[in-house]
Amino acid sequence: MAGSTAARVPALGQPKGGQEGWSKGKVKDKAQHAVILDKTTSDKLYKDVQSYRLVTVAVLVDRLKINGSLARRCLADLEEKGIIKPVVQHSKMKIYTRAVGGTD
């Protein structure tokens, strides 16, 4: 009798009934973001960035649907023109805010 109960208990770590152990992960579609700044995106960039409190590469990529390298170049251009000012200049993450009241 003791041997028959051990045969009914499944071994730990094995899926029951031959089920698949891992679920199929969901695949995210590849984003088709712009790699060249066209006129409409450029106009939207200069108009909308002045209303953003926080400006990072991720914010521009998400809102303007542009490439990350293009977003970094846009940030450098906006800083050069005095539209935004740096808050944190880490080597991996640059955080900007809108420039209020002109240059300091």
Protein backbone atom coordinates (compact mmCIF):
# COMPACT_ATOMS: atom_id res chain seq x y z
CA MET A 1 0.00 0.00 0.00
CA ALA A 2 2.76 2.46 0.85
CA GLY A 3 4.31 1.94 -2.57
CA SER A 4 1.03 2.66 -4.38
CA THR A 5 0.55 6.12 -2.76
CA ALA A 6 4.05 7.20 -3.74
CA ALA A 7 3.30 6.34 -7.37
CA ARG A 8 0.26 8.67 -7.39
CA VAL A 9 2.10 11.76 -6.08
CA PRO A 10 3.76 13.65 -8.97
CA ALA A 11 7.41 14.51 -8.63
CA LEU A 12 8.18 18.11 -7.77
CA GLY A 13 9.23 20.33 -10.63
CA GLN A 14 7.46 18.32 -13.32
CA PRO A 15 4.36 19.75 -15.02
CA LYS A 16 1.14 17.82 -14.56
CA GLY A 17 -0.42 15.99 -17.44
CA GLY A 18 2.28 16.85 -19.96
CA GLN A 19 1.49 20.59 -19.93
CA GLU A 20 4.03 23.08 -21.16
CA GLY A 21 6.13 24.44 -18.29
CA TRP A 22 6.61 28.01 -19.59
CA SER A 23 3.92 30.25 -21.00
CA LYS A 24 4.39 31.77 -24.41
CA GLY A 25 5.56 35.35 -23.92
CA LYS A 26 3.88 38.21 -25.73
CA VAL A 27 5.97 39.73 -28.49
CA LYS A 28 5.95 43.52 -28.75
CA ASP A 29 5.84 44.97 -32.25
CA LYS A 30 8.93 46.86 -33.39
CA ALA A 31 8.40 50.60 -33.22
CA GLN A 32 8.64 52.44 -36.52
CA HIS A 33 9.98 55.78 -35.30
CA ALA A 34 11.26 58.53 -37.56
CA VAL A 35 15.01 58.79 -38.11
CA ILE A 36 14.88 62.14 -39.93
CA LEU A 37 13.32 65.28 -38.48
CA ASP A 38 10.74 66.52 -40.99
CA LYS A 39 9.07 69.95 -40.96
CA THR A 40 5.91 68.94 -39.07
CA THR A 41 7.83 67.09 -36.35
CA SER A 42 10.26 69.99 -36.04
CA ASP A 43 7.42 72.50 -35.61
CA LYS A 44 5.77 70.26 -33.04
CA LEU A 45 9.09 69.86 -31.20
CA TYR A 46 9.72 73.60 -30.81
CA LYS A 47 6.09 74.34 -29.91
CA ASP A 48 5.43 71.50 -27.45
CA VAL A 49 8.77 71.30 -25.63
CA GLN A 50 8.18 74.72 -24.06
CA SER A 51 5.20 73.26 -22.17
CA TYR A 52 7.04 70.15 -20.90
CA ARG A 53 8.22 70.34 -17.30
CA LEU A 54 10.55 67.34 -17.74
CA VAL A 55 12.43 66.77 -20.98
CA THR A 56 14.45 63.60 -21.56
CA VAL A 57 15.28 61.40 -24.53
CA ALA A 58 12.51 58.99 -23.51
CA VAL A 59 9.92 61.80 -23.37
CA LEU A 60 10.75 62.95 -26.91
CA VAL A 61 10.79 59.38 -28.26
CA ASP A 62 7.42 58.63 -26.68
CA ARG A 63 5.60 61.84 -27.59
CA LEU A 64 7.11 62.69 -30.97
CA LYS A 65 7.71 59.12 -32.23
CA ILE A 66 11.32 59.83 -33.17
CA ASN A 67 14.46 57.72 -32.90
CA GLY A 68 16.58 57.88 -29.73
CA SER A 69 19.67 59.23 -31.48
CA LEU A 70 17.54 61.90 -33.16
CA ALA A 71 16.05 62.82 -29.78
CA ARG A 72 19.56 63.31 -28.32
CA ARG A 73 20.46 65.65 -31.17
CA CYS A 74 17.21 67.57 -30.68
CA LEU A 75 17.99 68.00 -26.98
CA ALA A 76 21.46 69.34 -27.78
CA ASP A 77 19.96 71.78 -30.30
CA LEU A 78 17.26 72.95 -27.89
CA GLU A 79 19.86 73.51 -25.16
CA GLU A 80 22.08 75.47 -27.54
CA LYS A 81 19.15 77.74 -28.48
CA GLY A 82 18.27 78.29 -24.82
CA ILE A 83 14.80 76.71 -24.98
CA ILE A 84 15.65 74.10 -22.33
CA LYS A 85 18.22 74.04 -19.53
CA PRO A 86 19.98 71.01 -17.99
CA VAL A 87 19.00 69.75 -14.54
CA VAL A 88 21.09 66.55 -14.39
CA GLN A 89 23.98 65.82 -16.76
CA HIS A 90 24.87 62.21 -16.03
CA SER A 91 26.82 60.25 -18.61
CA LYS A 92 23.88 57.89 -19.16
CA MET A 93 20.88 60.16 -18.57
CA LYS A 94 20.50 63.84 -19.31
CA ILE A 95 17.47 65.52 -17.78
CA TYR A 96 16.30 68.96 -18.88
CA THR A 97 13.54 71.38 -17.98
CA ARG A 98 12.06 74.33 -19.82
CA ALA A 99 14.03 77.56 -19.61
CA VAL A 100 11.80 80.11 -17.89
CA GLY A 101 12.46 83.84 -18.05
CA GLY A 102 15.35 83.81 -20.52
CA THR A 103 18.99 83.04 -19.79
CA ASP A 104 20.45 83.21 -16.27
